[in-house]
Amino acid sequence: MRLRLWGAVLVTAGAVGLSGTTVGAADAAPAPKTVVSFYTDSTTIGRLIPTFGAISGIDRTGNGQYVLVSTDVGRLGPARFYTATIPYNSGTGFAGGPAADSGSPFVGFGSSNIETGSSMLAGPAVAGGGTILGPGNLPMLPGAAQFEGIRAVGDDYVVASGGAHQFVRVLGRNGSYLRDLPLPSAYRVTSKTGLNGQLGLTGVAVGPGNRISAITAGGLKQDPRTSARLITWAGRGTSEYVYRTDRDKVAADVLSVNNTDFLVLERGKGRVTRIYWTTTRGAQAVSGKKKLAGTEKVMPKKPIFSTAPLQELTAGNMSGLAWGNWIPGPRGQKYRARTLFVVTNDVFAGPTRIHSLEVQFPKG
C-alpha cells in the first residue's frame, strides 16, 4: 500500500481520457463521453516465494481469484502457472489500507465490488499452481517456451508462447496438454517470413462464447515493424486484423472487452507504458494475407491510460492485464465502472507488482 499516501494527486495526474487529455478529480463526476480510466492503487505479490517471478500474464478465474503464468521455463523451475487470491475493494483498494481517491463521485461498499480472497485482512497471496506440460503430457525442456499470456477459457486455460518457440495452446486446469490452435501459414517461421522472435506472439484474450484471440508484439518478419496482427479463432477458421503499435512501443498484452473491442498494453524503451482501447469495427480484415503492405486500414485505437503523468509511480515492467469486479454505483449513474489490474514482470530482479485502475464506460 506504499502508494496510497499520494491520494488524489496521482489520480488527478493519472486520469487519461480517449482524447489524450488529462482529467482531474473534479472532472470525473459527469458521465464520460468516452472510456476513461483512473489509477487507484498498487501492491506486490509473492515476495517470499523464491521461484515466483517473471510473471507475464494474469487472468481472473473467479471473485478475487486469479491465475498467473511465468515466462521462466527452466531457470528457477519448470514451466509453471500460479493461482492467487487478490483481495480488493473499489473503495479501499488492496487489502491492508485505503486506495488513492479515484476521483469518482461515490464510494461503493456493496458486496459486488469486493474482490474476496481467503482473508479480507491479508494482501494478495499465491494460493497454488502447477506445472505446464508439453505434447504427450511430458515435462517441457528448459527454454522450450516463453509464456507471454494466460486466460481462463471455459474449464481450461489458454496460453501464448513467444520467443524461440511460438504457439497458442489450450491446457487443462492442472496444466495438462490439450491441443495447439492452428496458426496461418504466414506465421510459419522461415529465414525471411513468419513470427519474428520477440516481436511474435505476446498475449491472448478470451471473449464472449470462449472466443480466443492472440496478438503479436509487432509485425511478422515480412510485415512492417509496427503492424502487429490480432488473430481470432472462430468456428473452423481464423480472422486477422492489423493493430498498429506506437513507433517506440510493442504490444505486451491484449484483453477482451467483447468480441470486437479490446484493451492493448503497449510498452517499450523508457518508463512510459500505455493502455489503448481498440476495435476491429471499421478495420480491414487481412485474414490469410501473406504479407502486409502497411497501407491497410488498421484497428482504430485511443489511449485510456499512460504512466507518463505518474512521475512518482514505481510502475515496473508492466506485462499483463486482467479484469476485476464491476463497481456498483448510485441509481441513475450514467456510466459503468470496472476494476482493471496490471501485473509486472520483474524477471526476478524485484517484486512482482499489481496496479489497479478504475475504467469507466459510458452507458447507451
Protein backbone atom coordinates (compact mmCIF):
# COMPACT_ATOMS: atom_id res chain seq x y z
CA MET A 1 0.00 0.00 0.00
CA ARG A 2 3.01 2.30 -0.32
CA LEU A 3 1.27 4.47 -2.91
CA ARG A 4 -1.90 5.24 -1.01
CA LEU A 5 -0.48 8.37 0.63
CA TRP A 6 -0.23 10.09 -2.74
CA GLY A 7 -4.01 10.14 -2.80
CA ALA A 8 -5.78 12.29 -5.34
CA VAL A 9 -2.53 13.80 -6.59
CA LEU A 10 -1.72 10.65 -8.53
CA VAL A 11 -5.27 10.13 -9.67
CA THR A 12 -5.63 13.67 -10.92
CA ALA A 13 -2.49 13.19 -12.97
CA GLY A 14 -3.35 9.67 -13.99
CA ALA A 15 -6.85 10.03 -15.35
CA VAL A 16 -6.49 9.78 -19.10
CA GLY A 17 -9.42 10.04 -21.50
CA LEU A 18 -9.67 8.80 -25.05
CA SER A 19 -8.82 12.24 -26.31
CA GLY A 20 -5.48 12.00 -24.52
CA THR A 21 -6.28 14.96 -22.29
CA THR A 22 -5.76 14.90 -18.54
CA VAL A 23 -8.90 14.61 -16.45
CA GLY A 24 -8.83 15.87 -12.89
CA ALA A 25 -10.79 14.51 -9.94
CA ALA A 26 -13.34 17.28 -10.22
CA ASP A 27 -13.97 16.33 -13.84
CA ALA A 28 -14.81 12.71 -13.08
CA ALA A 29 -18.33 13.20 -11.71
CA PRO A 30 -20.15 13.81 -15.04
CA ALA A 31 -20.72 10.82 -17.28
CA PRO A 32 -17.71 10.30 -19.55
CA LYS A 33 -18.42 10.68 -23.25
CA THR A 34 -15.84 8.01 -24.00
CA VAL A 35 -13.96 5.40 -21.99
CA VAL A 36 -11.68 6.86 -19.30
CA SER A 37 -9.54 5.29 -16.60
CA PHE A 38 -8.08 6.33 -13.26
CA TYR A 39 -5.10 4.92 -11.39
CA THR A 40 -6.21 3.77 -7.92
CA ASP A 41 -3.66 1.64 -6.04
CA SER A 42 -0.62 -0.66 -6.12
CA THR A 43 0.65 -3.65 -4.17
CA THR A 44 3.07 -6.59 -4.52
CA ILE A 45 2.65 -10.36 -4.51
CA GLY A 46 4.80 -13.44 -3.96
CA ARG A 47 7.78 -11.76 -2.26
CA LEU A 48 8.53 -14.76 -0.03
CA ILE A 49 8.48 -17.40 -2.79
CA PRO A 50 11.96 -17.69 -4.41
CA THR A 51 10.66 -19.29 -7.61
CA PHE A 52 7.83 -16.78 -8.09
CA GLY A 53 8.60 -14.14 -10.68
CA ALA A 54 8.91 -13.26 -14.37
CA ILE A 55 5.11 -13.01 -14.40
CA SER A 56 3.93 -12.19 -17.91
CA GLY A 57 0.20 -12.87 -17.75
CA ILE A 58 -2.73 -12.75 -15.36
CA ASP A 59 -6.44 -13.53 -15.63
CA ARG A 60 -9.50 -13.57 -13.40
CA THR A 61 -10.91 -17.03 -12.67
CA GLY A 62 -13.48 -16.06 -10.02
CA ASN A 63 -14.30 -13.45 -7.41
CA GLY A 64 -10.89 -12.47 -6.05
CA GLN A 65 -9.29 -15.50 -7.73
CA TYR A 66 -6.61 -15.23 -10.42
CA VAL A 67 -4.19 -17.32 -12.47
CA LEU A 68 -0.72 -16.08 -13.40
CA VAL A 69 1.93 -17.50 -15.74
CA SER A 70 5.72 -17.15 -15.65
CA THR A 71 7.99 -16.72 -18.67
CA ASP A 72 10.63 -18.74 -16.83
CA VAL A 73 10.98 -22.27 -18.17
CA GLY A 74 13.94 -23.99 -16.57
CA ARG A 75 15.82 -21.22 -14.80
CA LEU A 76 14.28 -21.40 -11.33
CA GLY A 77 11.76 -24.11 -12.02
CA PRO A 78 9.76 -25.92 -14.70
CA ALA A 79 7.18 -24.29 -16.94
CA ARG A 80 4.54 -23.20 -14.45
CA PHE A 81 1.45 -21.25 -13.58
CA TYR A 82 0.25 -19.95 -10.23
CA THR A 83 -3.15 -19.37 -8.69
CA ALA A 84 -3.61 -16.42 -6.36
CA THR A 85 -6.10 -14.53 -4.25
CA ILE A 86 -6.15 -10.76 -4.72
CA PRO A 87 -8.47 -9.14 -2.16
CA TYR A 88 -9.52 -5.74 -3.49
CA ASN A 89 -12.25 -3.23 -2.67
CA SER A 90 -13.02 -0.34 -5.01
CA GLY A 91 -13.39 1.98 -2.02
CA THR A 92 -10.31 0.96 -0.04
CA GLY A 93 -8.01 -0.63 -2.60
CA PHE A 94 -5.90 -3.70 -1.97
CA ALA A 95 -6.35 -5.32 1.43
CA GLY A 96 -4.35 -3.57 4.12
CA GLY A 97 -5.07 0.10 3.50
CA PRO A 98 -7.03 2.76 1.59
CA ALA A 99 -6.71 3.32 -2.12
CA ALA A 100 -5.92 6.61 -3.75
CA ASP A 101 -9.05 8.69 -4.37
CA SER A 102 -10.24 7.67 -7.81
CA GLY A 103 -11.97 10.97 -8.40
CA SER A 104 -15.29 9.12 -8.59
CA PRO A 105 -18.35 10.86 -7.12
CA PHE A 106 -19.15 7.82 -4.99
CA VAL A 107 -17.52 5.14 -2.90
CA GLY A 108 -19.36 1.85 -3.18
CA PHE A 109 -19.20 -0.77 -0.47
CA GLY A 110 -21.67 -3.28 -1.90
CA SER A 111 -20.62 -6.91 -1.90
CA SER A 112 -20.29 -6.97 -5.67
CA ASN A 113 -17.37 -4.55 -5.67
CA ILE A 114 -15.24 -6.57 -3.28
CA GLU A 115 -12.68 -8.99 -4.68
CA THR A 116 -12.75 -11.55 -1.89
CA GLY A 117 -9.86 -13.85 -1.20
CA SER A 118 -9.17 -16.27 1.63
CA SER A 119 -8.98 -13.36 4.02
CA MET A 120 -10.08 -9.76 3.67
CA LEU A 121 -7.29 -8.79 6.10
CA ALA A 122 -4.49 -10.40 4.12
CA GLY A 123 -2.99 -8.93 0.98
CA PRO A 124 -2.60 -10.67 -2.38
CA ALA A 125 -1.19 -14.17 -1.91
CA VAL A 126 -0.09 -17.08 -4.06
CA ALA A 127 -2.51 -19.93 -3.31
CA GLY A 128 -1.22 -22.73 -5.51
CA GLY A 129 -0.29 -23.54 -9.07
CA GLY A 130 1.01 -26.28 -11.28
CA THR A 131 3.48 -27.43 -13.92
CA ILE A 132 2.68 -26.78 -17.56
CA LEU A 133 3.20 -29.92 -19.61
CA GLY A 134 4.00 -30.22 -23.30
CA PRO A 135 2.62 -32.52 -26.00
CA GLY A 136 2.22 -36.06 -24.74
CA ASN A 137 1.95 -34.52 -21.27
CA LEU A 138 5.71 -34.67 -20.97
CA PRO A 139 7.71 -32.10 -18.96
CA MET A 140 8.90 -29.18 -21.06
CA LEU A 141 12.65 -28.85 -21.54
CA PRO A 142 14.37 -25.66 -20.30
CA GLY A 143 13.74 -22.86 -22.78
CA ALA A 144 11.05 -24.82 -24.65
CA ALA A 145 8.57 -21.97 -24.22
CA GLN A 146 8.41 -18.30 -23.33
CA PHE A 147 4.92 -17.89 -21.94
CA GLU A 148 3.57 -14.41 -22.57
CA GLY A 149 -0.07 -14.68 -21.54
CA ILE A 150 -2.72 -16.86 -19.94
CA ARG A 151 -6.53 -16.77 -19.88
CA ALA A 152 -9.26 -18.94 -18.48
CA VAL A 153 -11.35 -20.46 -21.27
CA GLY A 154 -14.29 -22.49 -20.03
CA ASP A 155 -12.91 -25.13 -17.67
CA ASP A 156 -9.43 -24.85 -19.20
CA TYR A 157 -6.63 -22.35 -19.74
CA VAL A 158 -5.18 -20.97 -22.96
CA VAL A 159 -1.59 -19.73 -23.10
CA ALA A 160 0.55 -17.95 -25.68
CA SER A 161 4.28 -18.54 -26.06
CA GLY A 162 6.65 -16.19 -27.88
CA GLY A 163 10.39 -16.07 -28.42
CA ALA A 164 12.02 -19.12 -29.99
CA HIS A 165 9.02 -21.43 -29.53
CA GLN A 166 5.74 -19.77 -30.56
CA PHE A 167 2.31 -21.28 -30.13
CA VAL A 168 -1.17 -20.76 -28.70
CA ARG A 169 -2.10 -23.77 -26.58
CA VAL A 170 -5.10 -24.97 -24.59
CA LEU A 171 -4.29 -26.59 -21.23
CA GLY A 172 -6.30 -28.36 -18.58
CA ARG A 173 -6.65 -26.59 -15.25
CA ASN A 174 -3.97 -28.98 -13.94
CA GLY A 175 -1.50 -27.86 -16.63
CA SER A 176 -2.03 -30.89 -18.88
CA TYR A 177 -1.62 -30.52 -22.64
CA LEU A 178 -4.88 -30.50 -24.61
CA ARG A 179 -4.22 -29.01 -28.06
CA ASP A 180 -2.46 -26.30 -30.06
CA LEU A 181 -4.50 -23.84 -32.08
CA PRO A 182 -3.60 -23.69 -35.79
CA LEU A 183 -1.71 -20.62 -36.99
CA PRO A 184 -2.00 -19.30 -40.58
CA SER A 185 0.80 -20.17 -42.99
CA ALA A 186 2.05 -16.57 -42.94
CA TYR A 187 3.09 -17.13 -39.32
CA ARG A 188 5.29 -20.14 -40.19
CA VAL A 189 8.91 -19.25 -39.42
CA THR A 190 11.46 -19.20 -42.25
CA SER A 191 14.59 -17.10 -42.69
CA LYS A 192 12.58 -14.19 -44.12
CA THR A 193 8.98 -14.73 -43.06
CA GLY A 194 6.84 -15.69 -40.13
CA LEU A 195 6.72 -14.92 -36.43
CA ASN A 196 9.57 -12.60 -35.56
CA GLY A 197 11.14 -13.65 -32.25
CA GLN A 198 10.45 -11.05 -29.56
CA LEU A 199 8.01 -9.32 -31.93
CA GLY A 200 5.99 -12.53 -32.11
CA LEU A 201 3.08 -13.78 -30.01
CA THR A 202 2.75 -11.73 -26.85
CA GLY A 203 -0.77 -12.00 -25.44
CA VAL A 204 -4.00 -13.94 -25.57
CA ALA A 205 -7.61 -12.88 -24.96
CA VAL A 206 -10.90 -14.73 -24.46
CA GLY A 207 -14.15 -13.05 -25.41
CA PRO A 208 -17.82 -13.99 -25.01
CA GLY A 209 -18.55 -17.56 -26.02
CA ASN A 210 -14.93 -18.52 -25.23
CA ARG A 211 -13.74 -16.89 -28.43
CA ILE A 212 -9.93 -16.92 -28.35
CA SER A 213 -7.74 -14.17 -29.82
CA ALA A 214 -3.99 -13.56 -29.75
CA ILE A 215 -1.82 -10.60 -30.66
CA THR A 216 1.75 -10.26 -31.89
CA ALA A 217 4.09 -7.71 -30.32
CA GLY A 218 4.86 -6.27 -33.74
CA GLY A 219 4.92 -7.25 -37.38
CA LEU A 220 5.78 -10.64 -38.83
CA LYS A 221 9.20 -10.74 -40.49
CA GLN A 222 7.66 -9.83 -43.85
CA ASP A 223 5.42 -7.09 -42.42
CA PRO A 224 6.14 -3.51 -41.33
CA ARG A 225 7.57 -3.50 -37.80
CA THR A 226 4.61 -1.73 -36.16
CA SER A 227 1.94 -3.79 -37.97
CA ALA A 228 1.02 -6.21 -35.21
CA ARG A 229 -1.60 -8.81 -36.07
CA LEU A 230 -4.66 -9.69 -33.99
CA ILE A 231 -5.83 -13.21 -34.82
CA THR A 232 -9.14 -14.71 -33.67
CA TRP A 233 -10.19 -18.34 -33.83
CA ALA A 234 -13.91 -18.51 -34.59
CA GLY A 235 -15.68 -21.55 -35.94
CA ARG A 236 -13.45 -23.51 -38.29
CA GLY A 237 -11.30 -20.61 -39.43
CA THR A 238 -9.46 -17.56 -38.24
CA SER A 239 -9.82 -13.84 -38.76
CA GLU A 240 -6.98 -11.32 -38.70
CA TYR A 241 -6.75 -7.55 -38.30
CA VAL A 242 -3.84 -5.12 -38.11
CA TYR A 243 -3.14 -3.34 -34.85
CA ARG A 244 -0.56 -0.59 -35.34
CA THR A 245 1.66 0.00 -32.32
CA ASP A 246 3.29 3.30 -31.46
CA ARG A 247 6.68 3.67 -33.17
CA ASP A 248 8.60 3.35 -29.91
CA LYS A 249 6.41 0.60 -28.43
CA VAL A 250 5.39 -3.01 -28.89
CA ALA A 251 2.20 -4.73 -27.80
CA ALA A 252 2.62 -6.59 -24.50
CA ASP A 253 -0.86 -7.97 -23.81
CA VAL A 254 -4.43 -7.97 -25.07
CA LEU A 255 -7.64 -8.18 -23.03
CA SER A 256 -11.12 -8.75 -24.44
CA VAL A 257 -13.91 -6.27 -23.74
CA ASN A 258 -16.32 -8.08 -26.06
CA ASN A 259 -15.94 -9.89 -29.37
CA THR A 260 -14.90 -6.75 -31.27
CA ASP A 261 -13.29 -4.48 -28.68
CA PHE A 262 -10.04 -4.98 -26.77
CA LEU A 263 -7.58 -3.31 -24.44
CA VAL A 264 -3.95 -3.46 -25.57
CA LEU A 265 -0.99 -2.81 -23.29
CA GLU A 266 1.96 -1.17 -25.09
CA ARG A 267 5.46 -0.79 -23.67
CA GLY A 268 8.96 -0.02 -24.96
CA LYS A 269 12.18 1.77 -24.14
CA GLY A 270 11.82 4.25 -21.31
CA ARG A 271 9.37 4.25 -18.43
CA VAL A 272 6.17 5.19 -20.27
CA THR A 273 3.61 2.42 -20.72
CA ARG A 274 0.21 2.97 -22.30
CA ILE A 275 -3.11 1.14 -22.49
CA TYR A 276 -5.28 1.59 -25.57
CA TRP A 277 -8.90 0.82 -26.33
CA THR A 278 -9.13 -0.68 -29.81
CA THR A 279 -11.71 -2.39 -32.00
CA THR A 280 -12.00 -4.49 -35.14
CA ARG A 281 -15.07 -2.48 -36.12
CA GLY A 282 -14.21 -0.45 -39.19
CA ALA A 283 -10.85 -2.16 -39.66
CA GLN A 284 -9.83 -4.06 -42.79
CA ALA A 285 -9.73 -7.84 -42.42
CA VAL A 286 -6.38 -9.28 -43.52
CA SER A 287 -7.26 -12.91 -42.89
CA GLY A 288 -4.81 -15.22 -44.65
CA LYS A 289 -2.78 -12.35 -46.10
CA LYS A 290 0.83 -13.46 -46.59
CA LYS A 291 2.40 -10.01 -46.40
CA LEU A 292 1.14 -6.63 -45.22
CA ALA A 293 1.78 -3.51 -47.27
CA GLY A 294 1.50 -1.08 -44.39
CA THR A 295 -1.42 0.71 -46.05
CA GLU A 296 -4.17 -1.48 -44.61
CA LYS A 297 -7.00 0.15 -42.66
CA VAL A 298 -5.87 -0.72 -39.15
CA MET A 299 -7.86 -1.16 -35.96
CA PRO A 300 -8.66 2.30 -34.58
CA LYS A 301 -7.19 2.87 -31.13
CA LYS A 302 -7.48 5.54 -28.46
CA PRO A 303 -5.49 5.87 -25.22
CA ILE A 304 -7.20 5.29 -21.90
CA PHE A 305 -4.12 5.22 -19.65
CA SER A 306 -0.49 6.30 -19.59
CA THR A 307 2.15 6.14 -16.87
CA ALA A 308 3.66 9.41 -18.16
CA PRO A 309 1.84 11.72 -15.69
CA LEU A 310 2.56 9.40 -12.74
CA GLN A 311 6.11 10.55 -12.11
CA GLU A 312 6.32 9.06 -8.61
CA LEU A 313 4.82 5.70 -9.52
CA THR A 314 7.19 2.73 -9.48
CA ALA A 315 5.45 1.22 -12.48
CA GLY A 316 7.75 -1.73 -13.10
CA ASN A 317 7.76 -3.66 -16.36
CA MET A 318 4.01 -3.81 -16.97
CA SER A 319 3.25 -7.07 -18.73
CA GLY A 320 -0.31 -8.34 -18.24
CA LEU A 321 -3.92 -7.16 -17.92
CA ALA A 322 -6.88 -8.71 -16.10
CA TRP A 323 -10.37 -7.55 -15.27
CA GLY A 324 -11.55 -7.25 -11.69
CA ASN A 325 -15.13 -6.81 -10.50
CA TRP A 326 -17.70 -4.38 -11.78
CA ILE A 327 -18.04 -1.42 -9.42
CA PRO A 328 -21.58 -0.59 -8.25
CA GLY A 329 -22.75 2.99 -8.41
CA PRO A 330 -25.77 5.02 -7.36
CA ARG A 331 -29.06 4.77 -9.22
CA GLY A 332 -29.09 6.99 -12.27
CA GLN A 333 -25.33 6.95 -12.74
CA LYS A 334 -24.64 7.43 -16.43
CA TYR A 335 -21.58 5.23 -16.68
CA ARG A 336 -20.43 1.76 -15.65
CA ALA A 337 -17.09 1.17 -13.95
CA ARG A 338 -14.87 -1.86 -13.61
CA THR A 339 -11.55 -2.57 -11.90
CA LEU A 340 -8.58 -3.36 -14.14
CA PHE A 341 -5.40 -5.00 -12.81
CA VAL A 342 -1.95 -4.64 -14.39
CA VAL A 343 0.82 -7.08 -13.36
CA THR A 344 4.56 -6.52 -13.82
CA ASN A 345 7.32 -8.86 -15.00
CA ASP A 346 10.27 -8.24 -12.67
CA VAL A 347 12.42 -11.00 -14.24
CA PHE A 348 13.40 -11.96 -10.65
CA ALA A 349 15.15 -8.59 -10.22
CA GLY A 350 12.49 -7.06 -7.99
CA PRO A 351 8.99 -7.56 -6.63
CA THR A 352 6.04 -8.51 -8.79
CA ARG A 353 3.72 -5.51 -8.65
CA ILE A 354 -0.01 -5.32 -9.23
CA HIS A 355 -1.51 -1.94 -10.12
CA SER A 356 -5.24 -1.22 -10.14
CA LEU A 357 -7.20 1.15 -12.36
CA GLU A 358 -10.85 2.11 -12.49
CA VAL A 359 -12.17 2.01 -16.05
CA GLN A 360 -15.38 3.94 -16.73
CA PHE A 361 -17.63 3.07 -19.67
CA PRO A 362 -20.37 5.46 -20.84
CA LYS A 363 -23.85 3.95 -20.92
CA GLY A 364 -26.01 3.92 -24.00
